[in-house]
Protein backbone atom coordinates (compact mmCIF):
# COMPACT_ATOMS: atom_id res chain seq x y z
CA MET A 1 -11.69 18.17 69.04
CA SER A 2 -14.15 16.28 71.73
CA ASP A 3 -16.90 18.86 69.94
CA ARG A 4 -16.40 17.67 65.94
CA PRO A 5 -18.42 15.86 64.97
CA GLY A 6 -18.44 11.90 64.51
CA ARG A 7 -15.59 9.97 62.48
CA LEU A 8 -16.13 9.64 58.95
CA SER A 9 -17.65 5.93 57.87
CA GLY A 10 -17.49 3.88 54.68
CA MET A 11 -14.32 4.66 53.35
CA GLN A 12 -12.38 3.08 51.52
CA SER A 13 -10.76 0.66 53.45
CA ARG A 14 -6.88 1.34 53.13
CA VAL A 15 -7.72 5.62 53.65
CA SER A 16 -10.01 4.81 56.35
CA ARG A 17 -7.34 3.36 57.81
CA ILE A 18 -5.60 6.92 58.34
CA GLY A 19 -5.90 7.41 62.11
CA VAL A 20 -5.12 9.73 64.71
CA ALA A 21 -1.74 11.94 63.83
CA ALA A 22 1.43 12.07 64.99
CA ILE A 23 0.85 13.84 68.51
CA ALA A 24 -3.05 14.09 68.71
CA GLY A 25 -4.46 17.45 69.77
CA ALA A 26 -4.71 20.86 67.47
CA VAL A 27 -1.38 22.68 68.91
CA LEU A 28 -1.12 26.92 67.23
CA ALA A 29 3.20 27.02 65.91
CA ALA A 30 4.99 26.49 68.88
CA GLY A 31 2.05 26.99 70.65
CA THR A 32 3.50 30.87 71.88
CA ALA A 33 4.45 33.60 70.30
CA CYS A 34 7.19 36.21 69.31
CA GLY A 35 7.47 39.35 67.01
CA ALA A 36 7.23 42.23 65.82
CA GLY A 37 3.32 42.84 66.88
CA PRO A 38 0.14 44.56 65.50
CA SER A 39 0.72 48.39 64.23
CA ASP A 40 -1.55 50.27 65.17
CA ARG A 41 -0.91 52.62 62.82
CA PRO A 42 -2.67 53.36 59.75
CA ASP A 43 -0.19 55.04 57.60
CA ILE A 44 0.37 54.34 54.66
CA ALA A 45 3.68 54.77 52.72
CA VAL A 46 3.49 54.23 49.34
CA VAL A 47 6.71 53.28 47.20
CA GLU A 48 4.70 53.25 43.63
CA HIS A 49 6.87 50.76 41.47
CA GLY A 50 4.81 49.83 39.02
CA GLY A 51 3.09 46.20 39.04
CA GLY A 52 -1.02 45.85 38.37
CA SER A 53 -2.57 48.61 39.30
CA ALA A 54 -5.95 49.47 41.28
CA PRO A 55 -9.33 49.22 38.76
CA THR A 56 -11.16 51.85 38.70
CA SER A 57 -14.75 52.51 40.43
CA ASP A 58 -16.89 51.98 37.57
CA ALA A 59 -14.87 48.00 36.74
CA ALA A 60 -14.92 47.68 40.50
CA ASP A 61 -18.87 48.15 40.75
CA ARG A 62 -19.20 45.27 38.10
CA ILE A 63 -17.83 42.57 40.66
CA PRO A 64 -20.64 41.24 42.25
CA PRO A 65 -20.69 40.58 45.90
CA LEU A 66 -20.48 37.92 47.86
CA GLN A 67 -23.34 35.47 47.83
CA THR A 68 -24.50 34.25 51.47
CA PRO A 69 -24.69 30.60 51.57
CA VAL A 70 -28.05 28.53 50.89
CA ARG A 71 -27.47 25.46 52.66
CA ASP A 72 -24.74 25.21 54.95
CA LEU A 73 -22.51 23.12 57.25
CA ASP A 74 -23.93 20.86 60.54
CA TRP A 75 -21.35 23.31 63.20
CA VAL A 76 -20.99 22.81 66.83
CA ASP A 77 -19.62 25.16 68.93
CA CYS A 78 -15.55 23.27 69.65
CA LYS A 79 -14.57 27.14 71.10
CA ASP A 80 -13.10 26.24 74.60
CA THR A 81 -11.48 22.75 72.84
CA THR A 82 -10.11 24.38 70.18
CA LEU A 83 -8.04 27.21 71.90
CA ARG A 84 -7.91 26.12 75.40
CA ALA A 85 -5.64 23.38 72.96
CA LEU A 86 -4.19 26.30 71.66
CA GLY A 87 -3.19 28.57 74.42
CA LEU A 88 -5.13 30.91 73.77
CA GLY A 89 -7.49 33.37 75.53
CA SER A 90 -10.96 33.62 74.83
CA GLY A 91 -10.92 36.43 72.77
CA PRO A 92 -13.71 39.40 72.21
CA GLU A 93 -16.69 39.37 73.69
CA GLY A 94 -19.68 37.12 72.63
CA LEU A 95 -17.09 35.68 70.03
CA SER A 96 -18.34 32.15 68.60
CA PHE A 97 -16.12 29.69 67.55
CA GLU A 98 -17.50 26.72 66.15
CA CYS A 99 -16.46 23.12 64.69
CA ALA A 100 -17.80 21.40 61.37
CA SER A 101 -16.99 18.84 58.19
CA LEU A 102 -17.64 17.90 54.73
CA LEU A 103 -17.57 15.42 52.78
CA ALA A 104 -15.50 15.31 49.16
CA PRO A 105 -13.78 13.23 46.80
CA ILE A 106 -10.72 12.11 47.50
CA ASP A 107 -10.74 13.07 43.96
CA SER A 108 -12.52 14.59 41.77
CA VAL A 109 -10.71 13.16 38.57
CA SER A 110 -10.77 9.61 38.93
CA GLY A 111 -14.12 8.79 40.94
CA ALA A 112 -12.07 7.23 43.50
CA ALA A 113 -13.33 6.01 45.67
CA GLY A 114 -13.90 7.75 48.46
CA PRO A 115 -14.90 10.36 50.24
CA ILE A 116 -12.34 11.77 52.44
CA GLU A 117 -13.18 14.34 55.41
CA ILE A 118 -12.15 18.15 55.46
CA GLY A 119 -12.51 19.61 58.96
CA ALA A 120 -13.75 23.86 59.42
CA ALA A 121 -13.99 26.50 61.83
CA ARG A 122 -16.71 29.26 61.39
CA ALA A 123 -15.22 32.79 63.51
CA LYS A 124 -17.70 35.47 64.12
CA LEU A 125 -19.18 37.86 66.73
CA PRO A 126 -22.74 39.19 67.45
CA GLN A 127 -22.14 42.03 65.47
CA THR A 128 -20.95 40.17 62.52
CA PRO A 129 -23.97 40.67 59.92
CA ALA A 130 -26.17 37.74 59.44
CA GLU A 131 -26.90 37.55 56.14
CA ALA A 132 -23.29 38.51 55.47
CA ALA A 133 -20.81 36.06 53.28
CA PRO A 134 -18.24 34.55 54.74
CA LEU A 135 -14.17 34.94 53.85
CA VAL A 136 -12.38 31.23 53.19
CA LEU A 137 -9.07 30.85 55.37
CA THR A 138 -6.77 28.01 53.77
CA SER A 139 -3.79 27.73 55.57
CA GLY A 140 -1.94 25.09 53.56
CA SER A 141 0.37 22.78 55.34
CA ASP A 142 1.95 25.57 57.52
CA VAL A 143 -0.41 24.76 60.05
CA ALA A 144 -4.06 23.92 60.71
CA SER A 145 -6.11 26.29 59.21
CA THR A 146 -8.46 26.43 62.82
CA ASN A 147 -5.07 27.37 64.04
CA THR A 148 -4.84 30.72 62.01
CA LEU A 149 -8.18 31.46 62.69
CA ALA A 150 -8.28 30.45 65.89
CA ALA A 151 -5.90 33.49 66.30
CA LEU A 152 -6.87 35.64 64.01
CA ALA A 153 -9.98 35.66 66.37
CA THR A 154 -7.92 36.41 69.89
CA GLY A 155 -6.44 38.94 68.08
CA PRO A 156 -5.73 42.19 67.69
CA SER A 157 -7.44 40.88 63.99
CA SER A 158 -10.51 39.94 65.64
CA GLY A 159 -11.79 43.29 64.00
CA LEU A 160 -12.15 41.81 60.31
CA LEU A 161 -15.25 39.04 62.13
CA GLU A 162 -17.50 42.66 62.69
CA ARG A 163 -17.62 42.04 58.69
CA GLN A 164 -18.37 39.48 57.99
CA PRO A 165 -17.35 35.43 59.24
CA ILE A 166 -14.51 33.99 58.95
CA VAL A 167 -14.71 29.82 57.59
CA ALA A 168 -11.27 27.87 57.99
CA VAL A 169 -10.79 24.67 55.98
CA ASP A 170 -8.40 22.49 56.99
CA ARG A 171 -6.20 20.74 54.54
CA ARG A 172 -5.95 17.34 54.32
CA GLY A 173 -5.10 15.50 56.37
CA ILE A 174 -3.39 17.86 58.24
CA GLY A 175 -5.67 19.10 61.73
CA ALA A 176 -9.21 19.14 62.41
CA SER A 177 -8.94 16.79 58.94
CA THR A 178 -8.44 13.35 58.55
CA PRO A 179 -5.13 12.60 60.22
CA ILE A 180 -2.75 10.77 58.09
CA ASP A 181 -0.49 8.35 60.38
CA CYS A 182 3.04 6.48 58.34
CA GLY A 183 3.39 4.76 61.61
CA ARG A 184 6.99 4.05 62.35
CA THR A 185 8.31 7.14 65.81
CA ALA A 186 10.99 6.37 65.25
CA ASP A 187 11.59 7.24 61.53
CA ARG A 188 9.84 10.19 62.38
CA SER A 189 11.18 10.91 65.23
CA GLY A 190 14.15 10.30 63.32
CA LEU A 191 13.56 12.64 59.90
CA ALA A 192 11.85 15.57 62.93
CA ASP A 193 16.37 15.25 64.53
CA LEU A 194 17.68 15.44 60.86
CA GLY A 195 19.31 12.00 61.70
CA GLN A 196 21.18 13.60 64.41
CA PHE A 197 21.05 10.93 67.00
CA THR A 198 21.44 7.61 63.90
CA PRO A 199 25.20 6.73 63.30
CA GLY A 200 26.71 7.70 60.30
CA ASP A 201 28.57 10.39 57.50
CA ALA A 202 28.23 13.92 59.77
CA SER A 203 26.93 15.61 57.28
CA GLY A 204 23.93 13.93 58.73
CA VAL A 205 22.81 13.86 55.44
CA ASP A 206 23.19 10.45 53.80
CA GLU A 207 20.88 9.45 57.61
CA VAL A 208 17.97 11.49 56.21
CA ALA A 209 17.94 10.34 52.52
CA ALA A 210 18.19 6.95 54.41
CA LEU A 211 15.39 7.75 56.53
CA SER A 212 13.11 9.80 53.88
CA ARG A 213 12.78 6.32 51.85
CA ASP A 214 12.34 4.66 55.40
CA VAL A 215 8.90 6.57 55.64
CA THR A 216 7.94 7.13 52.15
CA VAL A 217 7.52 3.70 51.76
CA ALA A 218 5.75 3.99 55.05
CA CYS A 219 3.16 6.81 53.80
CA THR A 220 2.45 5.60 50.14
CA ASP A 221 1.59 2.13 51.28
CA ALA A 222 -0.87 3.93 54.40
CA LEU A 223 -2.09 5.61 51.67
CA GLN A 224 -2.19 3.71 48.60
CA PRO A 225 -3.81 4.15 45.91
CA GLN A 226 -4.82 7.14 46.69
CA GLU A 227 -1.35 8.63 47.83
CA LEU A 228 -0.60 11.40 45.45
CA ALA A 229 -4.70 13.26 46.49
CA PHE A 230 -2.43 15.16 48.67
CA ASP A 231 -1.23 18.17 47.37
CA THR A 232 -2.43 21.55 46.71
CA ALA A 233 -4.56 20.88 43.48
CA HIS A 234 -7.33 18.47 45.13
CA ALA A 235 -6.69 21.32 47.98
CA ALA A 236 -7.83 22.95 45.44
CA ASP A 237 -10.70 20.37 44.67
CA ASP A 238 -12.07 20.53 48.62
CA LEU A 239 -12.92 24.89 48.38
CA GLU A 240 -14.61 23.53 45.27
CA GLN A 241 -16.72 20.52 47.53
CA LEU A 242 -17.35 24.01 50.05
CA ARG A 243 -18.55 25.74 47.54
CA LYS A 244 -21.21 23.55 45.82
CA LEU A 245 -21.68 22.74 48.76
CA TRP A 246 -23.26 25.93 49.84
CA GLN A 247 -24.35 26.67 46.74
CA VAL A 248 -22.92 30.26 45.70
CA ASN A 249 -21.16 31.19 42.70
CA SER A 250 -18.34 31.99 44.17
CA LEU A 251 -15.85 32.24 47.78
CA GLY A 252 -13.78 34.80 48.95
CA LEU A 253 -10.83 33.91 49.32
CA LEU A 254 -7.22 34.25 52.16
CA GLY A 255 -4.58 31.98 51.69
CA THR A 256 -2.02 32.40 53.72
CA GLY A 257 1.86 30.87 53.14
CA ASN A 258 1.76 27.51 51.32
CA GLY A 259 -2.54 28.73 51.21
CA ALA A 260 -1.92 30.80 48.67
CA ALA A 261 -0.99 28.34 46.57
CA VAL A 262 -3.91 26.30 47.57
CA ALA A 263 -5.90 29.08 46.48
CA LEU A 264 -3.98 30.09 43.32
CA ALA A 265 -4.97 26.58 42.77
CA TYR A 266 -8.06 27.09 42.36
CA ALA A 267 -8.17 30.02 40.42
CA ALA A 268 -6.57 28.23 37.71
CA LYS A 269 -8.78 24.95 38.32
CA TYR A 270 -11.82 26.98 38.66
CA PRO A 271 -12.05 30.46 37.86
CA SER A 272 -15.44 30.77 37.66
CA GLY A 273 -15.46 30.07 42.18
CA VAL A 274 -13.28 33.13 42.23
CA GLY A 275 -14.79 36.14 44.41
CA ARG A 276 -12.16 37.47 45.75
CA LEU A 277 -8.45 36.51 46.01
CA VAL A 278 -6.18 37.52 48.97
CA LEU A 279 -2.70 35.91 48.67
CA ASP A 280 -1.38 37.02 51.94
CA SER A 281 2.85 35.63 52.99
CA PRO A 282 2.49 34.23 49.60
CA ALA A 283 5.55 32.17 48.41
CA ALA A 284 8.00 31.03 45.07
CA THR A 285 5.38 29.95 42.35
CA THR A 286 8.26 29.06 40.32
CA ALA A 287 10.67 28.32 42.49
CA ASP A 288 12.49 24.23 42.79
CA ALA A 289 12.95 23.02 46.85
CA SER A 290 15.97 24.52 46.73
CA THR A 291 15.29 28.07 46.44
CA ALA A 292 12.30 27.98 48.73
CA ALA A 293 13.93 26.11 51.07
CA GLU A 294 16.94 29.39 50.70
CA GLN A 295 14.42 32.10 50.58
CA ARG A 296 12.30 30.95 53.97
CA LEU A 297 16.27 30.98 55.24
CA GLN A 298 16.55 34.40 54.26
CA GLY A 299 12.95 35.15 56.11
CA GLN A 300 13.91 32.98 58.92
CA GLU A 301 17.28 34.64 59.60
CA ALA A 302 15.81 38.73 59.37
CA ALA A 303 13.36 37.91 61.43
CA LEU A 304 15.66 35.93 64.52
CA ALA A 305 17.93 39.40 63.81
CA ASP A 306 14.30 41.39 64.46
CA PHE A 307 13.94 39.77 67.46
CA SER A 308 17.19 40.04 68.85
CA ARG A 309 17.34 43.36 69.19
CA ARG A 310 13.72 43.35 70.30
CA CYS A 311 15.09 41.08 73.03
CA ALA A 312 18.85 43.12 73.97
CA ALA A 313 16.31 46.18 73.95
CA LEU A 314 14.07 44.75 76.90
CA GLU A 315 16.98 42.99 78.72
CA CYS A 316 15.16 39.72 78.43
CA SER A 317 17.17 36.19 79.73
CA LEU A 318 19.81 35.79 77.18
CA GLY A 319 22.02 38.09 77.03
CA PRO A 320 23.35 41.70 75.03
CA ASP A 321 23.70 39.65 72.00
CA PRO A 322 20.44 37.18 71.78
CA SER A 323 21.54 35.55 68.26
CA ALA A 324 24.77 34.95 69.60
CA ALA A 325 23.41 33.05 72.56
CA ILE A 326 20.94 30.87 70.32
CA VAL A 327 24.10 29.74 68.35
CA ALA A 328 25.67 28.29 71.28
CA LEU A 329 22.56 26.83 72.32
CA ARG A 330 22.23 24.96 68.81
CA ASP A 331 25.96 23.74 69.10
CA ARG A 332 25.37 22.38 72.41
CA ALA A 333 22.63 20.73 70.97
CA ALA A 334 24.53 19.07 67.70
CA ALA A 335 27.07 18.22 70.00
CA GLY A 336 24.79 15.46 71.98
CA GLN A 337 25.34 18.31 75.12
CA LEU A 338 20.95 19.53 75.39
CA GLY A 339 20.25 14.95 76.42
CA THR A 340 17.28 14.22 73.38
CA VAL A 341 17.56 17.79 71.45
CA SER A 342 18.53 17.74 68.41
CA SER A 343 19.33 21.35 67.04
CA SER A 344 17.29 20.70 64.66
CA ALA A 345 14.13 20.94 66.90
CA LEU A 346 15.72 23.28 68.68
CA LEU A 347 15.77 26.18 65.99
CA GLY A 348 12.86 24.00 64.45
CA ALA A 349 10.77 25.48 67.52
CA VAL A 350 12.28 28.69 67.01
CA SER A 351 11.47 28.62 63.38
CA ALA A 352 8.13 28.32 64.48
CA PHE A 353 7.87 30.17 67.17
CA LEU A 354 9.22 33.14 65.08
CA GLY A 355 6.15 32.92 62.76
CA SER A 356 3.76 31.51 64.81
CA PRO A 357 -0.28 33.74 63.64
CA ARG A 358 -0.30 35.11 67.00
CA GLY A 359 -1.07 39.10 66.73
CA ASP A 360 -0.54 39.97 70.85
CA GLN A 361 3.71 38.53 69.67
CA VAL A 362 5.40 42.26 70.84
CA ASP A 363 4.42 40.73 75.22
CA ARG A 364 6.09 37.39 74.01
CA VAL A 365 9.45 38.48 73.60
CA ARG A 366 10.57 37.60 76.81
CA GLU A 367 8.99 33.85 76.77
CA LEU A 368 10.61 31.98 73.50
CA SER A 369 14.19 34.55 75.86
CA ASP A 370 13.43 32.70 79.40
CA VAL A 371 12.57 29.32 77.56
CA LEU A 372 16.20 29.61 75.85
CA ALA A 373 18.11 30.42 78.86
CA ALA A 374 16.34 28.14 80.43
CA ALA A 375 17.49 25.63 78.69
CA GLY A 376 20.79 26.74 78.14
CA ARG A 377 21.71 26.22 82.75
CA GLY A 378 20.69 23.42 82.39
CA ASP A 379 16.09 23.33 82.85
CA LEU A 380 15.09 21.61 80.13
CA ALA A 381 11.69 20.91 80.33
CA PRO A 382 10.28 23.99 78.72
CA LEU A 383 12.29 23.54 76.12
CA GLN A 384 11.21 19.79 75.57
CA GLY A 385 7.69 21.41 75.99
CA LEU A 386 7.74 24.09 72.75
CA ILE A 387 9.66 21.11 70.67
CA GLY A 388 6.18 18.73 71.85
CA ALA A 389 4.00 22.06 70.71
CA THR A 390 5.88 22.07 67.19
CA ARG A 391 6.27 19.02 66.05
CA ALA A 392 2.10 18.57 66.89
CA ALA A 393 1.61 22.31 64.93
CA VAL A 394 3.85 21.54 62.35
CA GLY A 395 5.30 18.20 61.78
CA THR A 396 2.38 15.81 61.30
CA ASP A 397 1.94 13.31 59.60
CA GLY A 398 0.15 15.33 57.27
CA GLN A 399 2.54 18.49 56.96
CA PHE A 400 5.36 15.19 55.61
CA VAL A 401 2.78 14.40 52.90
CA ALA A 402 1.86 17.57 51.73
CA ARG A 403 5.71 19.19 51.53
CA CYS A 404 6.81 16.70 49.69
CA SER A 405 3.49 16.53 47.28
CA ASP A 406 4.55 19.89 46.83
CA GLY A 407 8.19 20.49 46.10
CA GLN A 408 9.47 20.66 42.88
CA GLN A 409 12.85 18.67 42.39
CA TRP A 410 14.36 18.09 45.55
CA PRO A 411 18.18 17.39 45.47
CA GLY A 412 20.17 15.16 45.85
CA PRO A 413 23.27 13.82 49.04
CA GLY A 414 25.88 15.19 46.58
CA ARG A 415 24.09 18.32 46.24
CA ALA A 416 22.54 19.36 49.98
CA LYS A 417 26.79 18.60 50.80
CA GLU A 418 27.48 21.29 49.09
CA LEU A 419 24.40 23.86 50.38
CA GLN A 420 25.63 22.39 53.33
CA ARG A 421 28.78 24.52 52.76
CA THR A 422 27.13 27.47 51.27
CA TRP A 423 24.62 27.78 53.58
CA ALA A 424 26.88 27.55 56.96
CA ASP A 425 28.25 30.71 55.74
CA ARG A 426 25.03 32.34 54.39
CA TYR A 427 22.89 31.78 57.06
CA PRO A 428 24.82 30.90 60.50
CA VAL A 429 22.14 30.50 62.23
CA PHE A 430 20.09 28.31 60.15
CA GLY A 431 21.74 27.56 57.04
CA ALA A 432 23.41 23.99 57.46
CA ASP A 433 20.98 22.71 59.34
CA ALA A 434 17.69 23.61 55.93
CA ALA A 435 20.84 21.62 54.17
CA VAL A 436 20.14 18.85 55.18
CA GLY A 437 16.62 19.61 56.06
CA LEU A 438 16.47 19.58 51.98
CA MET A 439 17.03 15.88 52.18
CA ARG A 440 12.79 14.34 53.91
CA CYS A 441 12.26 14.85 50.61
CA SER A 442 13.87 13.76 49.06
CA ALA A 443 12.66 10.28 48.50
CA TRP A 444 8.78 11.34 47.46
CA PRO A 445 7.64 9.87 43.82
CA THR A 446 7.95 13.49 41.97
CA MET A 447 5.06 14.73 41.03
CA SER A 448 3.45 17.54 38.89
CA PRO A 449 3.71 21.49 40.12
CA PRO A 450 0.98 23.12 41.46
CA PRO A 451 -1.57 24.82 38.78
CA LEU A 452 -1.14 28.32 37.89
CA PRO A 453 -3.54 30.50 36.45
CA SER A 454 -4.39 31.58 33.25
CA THR A 455 -6.71 34.11 33.98
CA VAL A 456 -8.27 35.20 36.97
CA PRO A 457 -11.83 36.84 37.00
CA VAL A 458 -11.21 40.06 40.14
CA PRO A 459 -8.34 42.22 40.97
CA VAL A 460 -5.95 40.47 44.11
CA LEU A 461 -4.78 41.15 47.14
CA VAL A 462 -0.96 40.50 48.14
CA PHE A 463 0.98 40.89 51.17
CA ASN A 464 4.32 40.04 51.74
CA GLY A 465 6.28 40.86 55.54
CA ALA A 466 10.04 42.28 55.25
CA ALA A 467 11.01 39.26 57.66
CA ASP A 468 8.92 36.75 56.84
CA PRO A 469 10.50 33.25 58.59
CA VAL A 470 7.59 30.91 57.29
CA VAL A 471 8.00 31.80 53.12
CA GLY A 472 10.41 34.63 53.19
CA ASN A 473 9.33 37.58 51.23
CA ALA A 474 11.58 36.56 48.10
CA GLY A 475 9.54 35.06 46.25
CA VAL A 476 6.71 37.44 46.47
CA ALA A 477 7.37 38.78 42.55
CA THR A 478 6.75 34.94 40.97
CA VAL A 479 3.06 35.59 42.11
CA THR A 480 3.59 38.84 41.04
CA GLY A 481 4.77 38.23 38.03
CA THR A 482 2.27 35.29 37.33
CA LEU A 483 -0.88 37.08 38.19
CA THR A 484 0.69 39.54 35.27
CA SER A 485 0.91 36.81 33.13
CA ALA A 486 -2.55 35.87 33.66
CA ASP A 487 -3.72 39.36 33.26
CA THR A 488 -4.74 39.37 36.78
CA THR A 489 -4.53 43.46 37.86
CA TRP A 490 -3.40 43.71 40.93
CA SER A 491 -1.59 45.49 43.88
CA ASN A 492 1.36 44.67 46.78
CA VAL A 493 0.66 45.57 49.83
CA ALA A 494 4.77 44.93 52.01
CA TRP A 495 4.80 45.25 55.50
CA ALA A 496 7.45 46.13 57.20
CA GLY A 497 7.46 43.77 60.58
CA TYR A 498 8.43 40.30 61.35
CA GLY A 499 5.61 37.15 61.88
CA HIS A 500 3.49 35.51 59.54
CA PRO A 501 1.15 35.99 57.92
CA VAL A 502 0.97 39.31 57.05
CA THR A 503 -3.33 40.09 58.51
CA THR A 504 -2.67 38.69 62.31
CA HIS A 505 0.18 40.85 61.84
CA SER A 506 -1.20 44.63 60.73
CA ASP A 507 -3.33 47.22 61.66
CA CYS A 508 -2.68 48.59 58.31
CA ALA A 509 -2.67 45.81 56.19
CA ARG A 510 -6.12 44.46 57.59
CA GLN A 511 -8.13 48.12 56.78
CA SER A 512 -6.63 47.35 52.94
CA LEU A 513 -8.07 43.54 53.78
CA GLY A 514 -11.46 45.06 55.13
CA ARG A 515 -12.05 48.00 52.26
CA TYR A 516 -11.41 44.32 49.65
CA LEU A 517 -13.13 42.87 50.41
CA ASP A 518 -16.47 45.23 50.41
CA SER A 519 -15.93 46.43 46.97
CA ALA A 520 -12.75 44.77 45.10
CA SER A 521 -11.25 47.73 45.59
CA LEU A 522 -7.32 47.67 45.53
CA PRO A 523 -4.75 50.16 47.71
CA ALA A 524 -1.91 52.09 45.43
CA ASN A 525 0.40 49.24 43.97
CA GLY A 526 3.89 49.43 46.98
CA SER A 527 2.68 50.53 49.27
CA VAL A 528 4.30 49.53 52.77
CA CYS A 529 2.60 49.20 55.95
CA PRO A 530 5.11 49.92 59.28
CA ALA A 531 6.15 47.00 61.63
């Protein structure tokens, strides 16, 4: 962003070579969105199913309020450049959107030379109390946290800013943080296209495995000797650096998607630093890469089915069966009939569109329909634009490094081919490509699993969506199980809509969030917010 402070200087020579990422500019996931849309109904249906319980009023009273920072970052206005780059409107009247950065050690344990620059953004309104403590937002590796904040601040969820400012912290290597550039554009494109345009076996598995080796070598060479310092544990260290800079006792954390894993890692490493903890649409805490991918597949298929029902009801340009039209377009892409558009690129753009954090989705169903229908007629320009925006938002080198670092037990080619056959039948739209996609990280060095907390000093609020195309919703039980094992009070609120994350889409969920942030009080466990 042009409004950001100057570049980091004095970094270790190799780290200072981390340059401009694959596609410059911060772009919201797919640049657009479509989904169930925000719910305006505050009603909550309660389905009790055991597990966590709300703390008593006396217990809640013993939980200290969050503190206003004693020191702060050097904030610079970046509203116009950020919102324009993301294709967002100006938001509510008087919206303030500022950017800054902080310096964090590359490795706080080893004391490695550094530091590394971590990007941040802050949103607030004129009526936001000056003394209100900020809520810290992290989206992890899914999309830059700054993008999620921009979507929140300009959509129906902007009302959250009336209570307190929200500060987004980009994960290292992503968004406004020092970006990673592994070079080798052809290999990067090959991975994105799952080897479709690379000669080889029909499955594409072996080609992607070979590309994974090449890209992994390029990335680890570029990042040495700190190539293993981009996982969730190190992302948690960056949040701790912010807490220290602010000189506050604890942070209020809102982790969405992969950001929930970062927030849990923070709770594991710095339990006394947790003042509030909200896990919005978390992925499974103990799943291997194949299981996590299948849970995401379930969410993608469910989200597309919901989109298709809405699209058909609107008599959209994809016709009476939008899902079938998308499958036909995917098959044409796989056969090379859409020029340079691969089936993987097409499906990735559709999934990112459905999983965008924008909250104005109910008005954007036709937008995705029209882009895909135009491609079906031979006009590929809108689809190519959507694919480019998607790769800029969710396909950078920093995200590749982070996702590969976080994943556990990546399968080998033989297992990927088995899953390709199985998932093609079980998940007919996204399944086959998802199995091949598991090979993207097959060559990455084995990493320790993300740390999980043994204790959390505050009650924890958990949200999950019925049809989440980013993480699915089958993993929430492992998250609440982790919290139970930590003897932590928690409550899970489910949203019946589709999209990601819940906070930006459901007014009902935001009401529960507001009460929790105010007093640490939890809604009834098993509450359900309408679509």
